[in-house]
Amino acid sequence: MIVSENRSENYLTYFSNGTYDAYADTTKEKGGMEQGFRPHELLEAALACCMNMSLRMNAQKLSIPLEKVRVSVYLNREEPENPTFEYDVAFDASVCDSDRQTLLDTLARSSVRSTLSKSFSFEQKAVNTSI
C-alpha cells in the first residue's frame, strides 16, 4: 500500500510504502514546483521497472546472458479516450537477435502490463476526519 500526504509547498506530495519514500509534484505551469515525479510518470515508472525486471528474470530463466537492458516508457495521452503506453527496449550488444526476440515476446506477460491491460474499478474504503 502507498500512503501520500501533502507538504506545505503548493502541490508537493510525499508518498511512502512504509520502507521507501519519494515525492510527487506537478509542473510549474500547473502550479507545482517540479520537485518530484509527476503522477503519470509514476505509472510510466511502474511499467518500465516491471518490464525491465521481467526481461532480466526471463533471461536468467532461459539462460540468456544479459548484462544490460534499458526500458523507456511514455504514456501518450494525446487521445484522452485511448491512452497508449509506448515503450522502447535496448539490450547490450551481446544479446543475439533470436534471444532478443524471445525476451521481447515475454514482455506481454509482465505483471504490471497485465494489470494495466485490465478494466479498473475504484472503491473508497473510508473517509477520516482526523489525521
C-alpha atoms as a PDB file:
ATOM      1  CA  MET A   1       0.000   0.000   0.000  1.00  0.00           C
ATOM      2  CA  ILE A   2       1.153   3.533  -0.749  1.00  0.00           C
ATOM      3  CA  VAL A   3       0.232   6.408   1.549  1.00  0.00           C
ATOM      4  CA  SER A   4       0.532  10.002   0.363  1.00  0.00           C
ATOM      5  CA  GLU A   5       0.480  13.215   2.378  1.00  0.00           C
ATOM      6  CA  ASN A   6       0.605  16.821   1.280  1.00  0.00           C
ATOM      7  CA  ARG A   7       3.523  19.096   2.061  1.00  0.00           C
ATOM      8  CA  SER A   8       3.384  22.867   2.612  1.00  0.00           C
ATOM      9  CA  GLU A   9       4.557  23.610  -0.944  1.00  0.00           C
ATOM     10  CA  ASN A  10       1.653  24.057  -3.351  1.00  0.00           C
ATOM     11  CA  TYR A  11       1.186  20.509  -4.748  1.00  0.00           C
ATOM     12  CA  LEU A  12       4.248  18.696  -3.420  1.00  0.00           C
ATOM     13  CA  THR A  13       3.161  15.292  -2.131  1.00  0.00           C
ATOM     14  CA  TYR A  14       5.177  12.866  -0.026  1.00  0.00           C
ATOM     15  CA  PHE A  15       4.459   9.174  -0.521  1.00  0.00           C
ATOM     16  CA  SER A  16       5.749   6.003   1.084  1.00  0.00           C
ATOM     17  CA  ASN A  17       5.219   2.268   1.194  1.00  0.00           C
ATOM     18  CA  GLY A  18       6.461   2.253   4.793  1.00  0.00           C
ATOM     19  CA  THR A  19      10.012   1.390   3.744  1.00  0.00           C
ATOM     20  CA  TYR A  20      10.844   3.740   0.866  1.00  0.00           C
ATOM     21  CA  ASP A  21       9.841   7.386   0.389  1.00  0.00           C
ATOM     22  CA  ALA A  22       9.570   9.683  -2.598  1.00  0.00           C
ATOM     23  CA  TYR A  23       7.852  12.867  -3.726  1.00  0.00           C
ATOM     24  CA  ALA A  24       5.367  13.717  -6.435  1.00  0.00           C
ATOM     25  CA  ASP A  25       4.639  17.169  -7.790  1.00  0.00           C
ATOM     26  CA  THR A  26       3.285  18.786 -10.902  1.00  0.00           C
ATOM     27  CA  THR A  27       4.700  21.140 -13.491  1.00  0.00           C
ATOM     28  CA  LYS A  28       5.212  24.847 -12.867  1.00  0.00           C
ATOM     29  CA  GLU A  29       2.538  25.752 -15.437  1.00  0.00           C
ATOM     30  CA  LYS A  30       0.037  23.769 -13.325  1.00  0.00           C
ATOM     31  CA  GLY A  31       1.139  25.489 -10.108  1.00  0.00           C
ATOM     32  CA  GLY A  32       3.705  22.955  -8.897  1.00  0.00           C
ATOM     33  CA  MET A  33       7.383  23.365  -8.193  1.00  0.00           C
ATOM     34  CA  GLU A  34       8.589  20.297 -10.184  1.00  0.00           C
ATOM     35  CA  GLN A  35      10.159  18.826  -7.032  1.00  0.00           C
ATOM     36  CA  GLY A  36       9.119  15.240  -7.625  1.00  0.00           C
ATOM     37  CA  PHE A  37       7.712  12.763 -10.102  1.00  0.00           C
ATOM     38  CA  ARG A  38       4.553  13.761 -11.912  1.00  0.00           C
ATOM     39  CA  PRO A  39       1.771  11.222 -11.184  1.00  0.00           C
ATOM     40  CA  HIS A  40       1.682   9.927 -14.769  1.00  0.00           C
ATOM     41  CA  GLU A  41       5.453   9.448 -14.616  1.00  0.00           C
ATOM     42  CA  LEU A  42       4.859   7.074 -11.717  1.00  0.00           C
ATOM     43  CA  LEU A  43       2.621   4.973 -13.984  1.00  0.00           C
ATOM     44  CA  GLU A  44       5.391   5.014 -16.602  1.00  0.00           C
ATOM     45  CA  ALA A  45       7.940   4.045 -13.940  1.00  0.00           C
ATOM     46  CA  ALA A  46       5.839   1.133 -12.698  1.00  0.00           C
ATOM     47  CA  LEU A  47       5.595  -0.308 -16.194  1.00  0.00           C
ATOM     48  CA  ALA A  48       9.222   0.397 -17.175  1.00  0.00           C
ATOM     49  CA  CYS A  49      10.611  -1.142 -13.983  1.00  0.00           C
ATOM     50  CA  CYS A  50       8.375  -4.204 -14.205  1.00  0.00           C
ATOM     51  CA  MET A  51       9.286  -4.783 -17.856  1.00  0.00           C
ATOM     52  CA  ASN A  52      12.990  -4.384 -17.050  1.00  0.00           C
ATOM     53  CA  MET A  53      12.749  -6.896 -14.193  1.00  0.00           C
ATOM     54  CA  SER A  54      10.690  -9.296 -16.322  1.00  0.00           C
ATOM     55  CA  LEU A  55      13.284  -9.224 -19.095  1.00  0.00           C
ATOM     56  CA  ARG A  56      16.081  -9.990 -16.638  1.00  0.00           C
ATOM     57  CA  MET A  57      14.105 -12.735 -14.868  1.00  0.00           C
ATOM     58  CA  ASN A  58      13.275 -14.409 -18.158  1.00  0.00           C
ATOM     59  CA  ALA A  59      16.843 -14.072 -19.428  1.00  0.00           C
ATOM     60  CA  GLN A  60      18.047 -15.794 -16.276  1.00  0.00           C
ATOM     61  CA  LYS A  61      15.347 -18.490 -16.516  1.00  0.00           C
ATOM     62  CA  LEU A  62      16.212 -19.149 -20.186  1.00  0.00           C
ATOM     63  CA  SER A  63      19.996 -18.958 -19.564  1.00  0.00           C
ATOM     64  CA  ILE A  64      20.331 -15.998 -21.925  1.00  0.00           C
ATOM     65  CA  PRO A  65      23.329 -13.881 -20.960  1.00  0.00           C
ATOM     66  CA  LEU A  66      22.099 -10.331 -20.371  1.00  0.00           C
ATOM     67  CA  GLU A  67      24.381  -7.743 -18.846  1.00  0.00           C
ATOM     68  CA  LYS A  68      22.384  -4.603 -19.519  1.00  0.00           C
ATOM     69  CA  VAL A  69      18.868  -3.730 -20.600  1.00  0.00           C
ATOM     70  CA  ARG A  70      17.118  -0.354 -20.689  1.00  0.00           C
ATOM     71  CA  VAL A  71      13.354   0.111 -20.966  1.00  0.00           C
ATOM     72  CA  SER A  72      11.856   3.540 -21.702  1.00  0.00           C
ATOM     73  CA  VAL A  73       8.108   4.081 -21.297  1.00  0.00           C
ATOM     74  CA  TYR A  74       5.995   7.048 -22.312  1.00  0.00           C
ATOM     75  CA  LEU A  75       2.274   7.370 -21.626  1.00  0.00           C
ATOM     76  CA  ASN A  76       0.843   9.014 -24.737  1.00  0.00           C
ATOM     77  CA  ARG A  77      -2.377  10.806 -23.720  1.00  0.00           C
ATOM     78  CA  GLU A  78      -2.951  12.738 -26.948  1.00  0.00           C
ATOM     79  CA  GLU A  79      -6.189  10.779 -27.411  1.00  0.00           C
ATOM     80  CA  PRO A  80      -7.752  11.009 -23.915  1.00  0.00           C
ATOM     81  CA  GLU A  81     -10.150   8.118 -24.574  1.00  0.00           C
ATOM     82  CA  ASN A  82      -7.349   5.870 -25.784  1.00  0.00           C
ATOM     83  CA  PRO A  83      -4.133   6.480 -23.806  1.00  0.00           C
ATOM     84  CA  THR A  84      -1.257   4.331 -25.046  1.00  0.00           C
ATOM     85  CA  PHE A  85       1.882   3.159 -23.285  1.00  0.00           C
ATOM     86  CA  GLU A  86       4.701   3.439 -25.822  1.00  0.00           C
ATOM     87  CA  TYR A  87       7.977   1.726 -24.985  1.00  0.00           C
ATOM     88  CA  ASP A  88      11.478   1.115 -26.281  1.00  0.00           C
ATOM     89  CA  VAL A  89      13.835  -1.637 -25.214  1.00  0.00           C
ATOM     90  CA  ALA A  90      17.615  -1.560 -25.626  1.00  0.00           C
ATOM     91  CA  PHE A  91      19.833  -4.588 -24.966  1.00  0.00           C
ATOM     92  CA  ASP A  92      23.593  -4.796 -24.683  1.00  0.00           C
ATOM     93  CA  ALA A  93      25.343  -5.918 -27.875  1.00  0.00           C
ATOM     94  CA  SER A  94      25.996  -9.436 -26.570  1.00  0.00           C
ATOM     95  CA  VAL A  95      22.322 -10.476 -26.976  1.00  0.00           C
ATOM     96  CA  CYS A  96      21.763 -12.168 -30.338  1.00  0.00           C
ATOM     97  CA  ASP A  97      18.694 -11.405 -32.482  1.00  0.00           C
ATOM     98  CA  SER A  98      16.845 -14.653 -31.698  1.00  0.00           C
ATOM     99  CA  ASP A  99      17.396 -14.273 -27.921  1.00  0.00           C
ATOM    100  CA  ARG A 100      16.361 -10.621 -28.144  1.00  0.00           C
ATOM    101  CA  GLN A 101      13.090 -11.603 -29.817  1.00  0.00           C
ATOM    102  CA  THR A 102      12.483 -14.398 -27.309  1.00  0.00           C
ATOM    103  CA  LEU A 103      12.872 -11.925 -24.462  1.00  0.00           C
ATOM    104  CA  LEU A 104      10.683  -9.296 -26.142  1.00  0.00           C
ATOM    105  CA  ASP A 105       7.944 -11.892 -26.571  1.00  0.00           C
ATOM    106  CA  THR A 106       7.835 -12.340 -22.786  1.00  0.00           C
ATOM    107  CA  LEU A 107       7.002  -8.670 -22.154  1.00  0.00           C
ATOM    108  CA  ALA A 108       3.299  -9.170 -22.867  1.00  0.00           C
ATOM    109  CA  ARG A 109       3.167 -11.289 -19.711  1.00  0.00           C
ATOM    110  CA  SER A 110       4.885  -8.831 -17.368  1.00  0.00           C
ATOM    111  CA  SER A 111       2.732  -8.409 -14.282  1.00  0.00           C
ATOM    112  CA  VAL A 112       2.226  -4.619 -14.374  1.00  0.00           C
ATOM    113  CA  ARG A 113       1.459  -4.704 -18.094  1.00  0.00           C
ATOM    114  CA  SER A 114      -1.070  -7.477 -17.438  1.00  0.00           C
ATOM    115  CA  THR A 115      -2.660  -5.440 -14.650  1.00  0.00           C
ATOM    116  CA  LEU A 116      -2.782  -2.226 -16.693  1.00  0.00           C
ATOM    117  CA  SER A 117      -4.423  -4.125 -19.567  1.00  0.00           C
ATOM    118  CA  LYS A 118      -7.488  -4.899 -17.466  1.00  0.00           C
ATOM    119  CA  SER A 119     -10.530  -2.803 -16.752  1.00  0.00           C
ATOM    120  CA  PHE A 120     -10.333  -0.983 -13.413  1.00  0.00           C
ATOM    121  CA  SER A 121     -12.851  -0.052 -10.782  1.00  0.00           C
ATOM    122  CA  PHE A 122     -12.399   2.261  -7.814  1.00  0.00           C
ATOM    123  CA  GLU A 123     -13.749   1.765  -4.301  1.00  0.00           C
ATOM    124  CA  GLN A 124     -13.470   4.258  -1.471  1.00  0.00           C
ATOM    125  CA  LYS A 125     -12.867   2.356   1.761  1.00  0.00           C
ATOM    126  CA  ALA A 126     -13.028   5.134   4.370  1.00  0.00           C
ATOM    127  CA  VAL A 127     -13.045   8.867   4.995  1.00  0.00           C
ATOM    128  CA  ASN A 128     -11.392  10.016   8.199  1.00  0.00           C
ATOM    129  CA  THR A 129     -11.873  13.449   9.680  1.00  0.00           C
ATOM    130  CA  SER A 130      -8.620  13.437  11.680  1.00  0.00           C
ATOM    131  CA  ILE A 131      -5.032  12.573  10.827  1.00  0.00           C
END
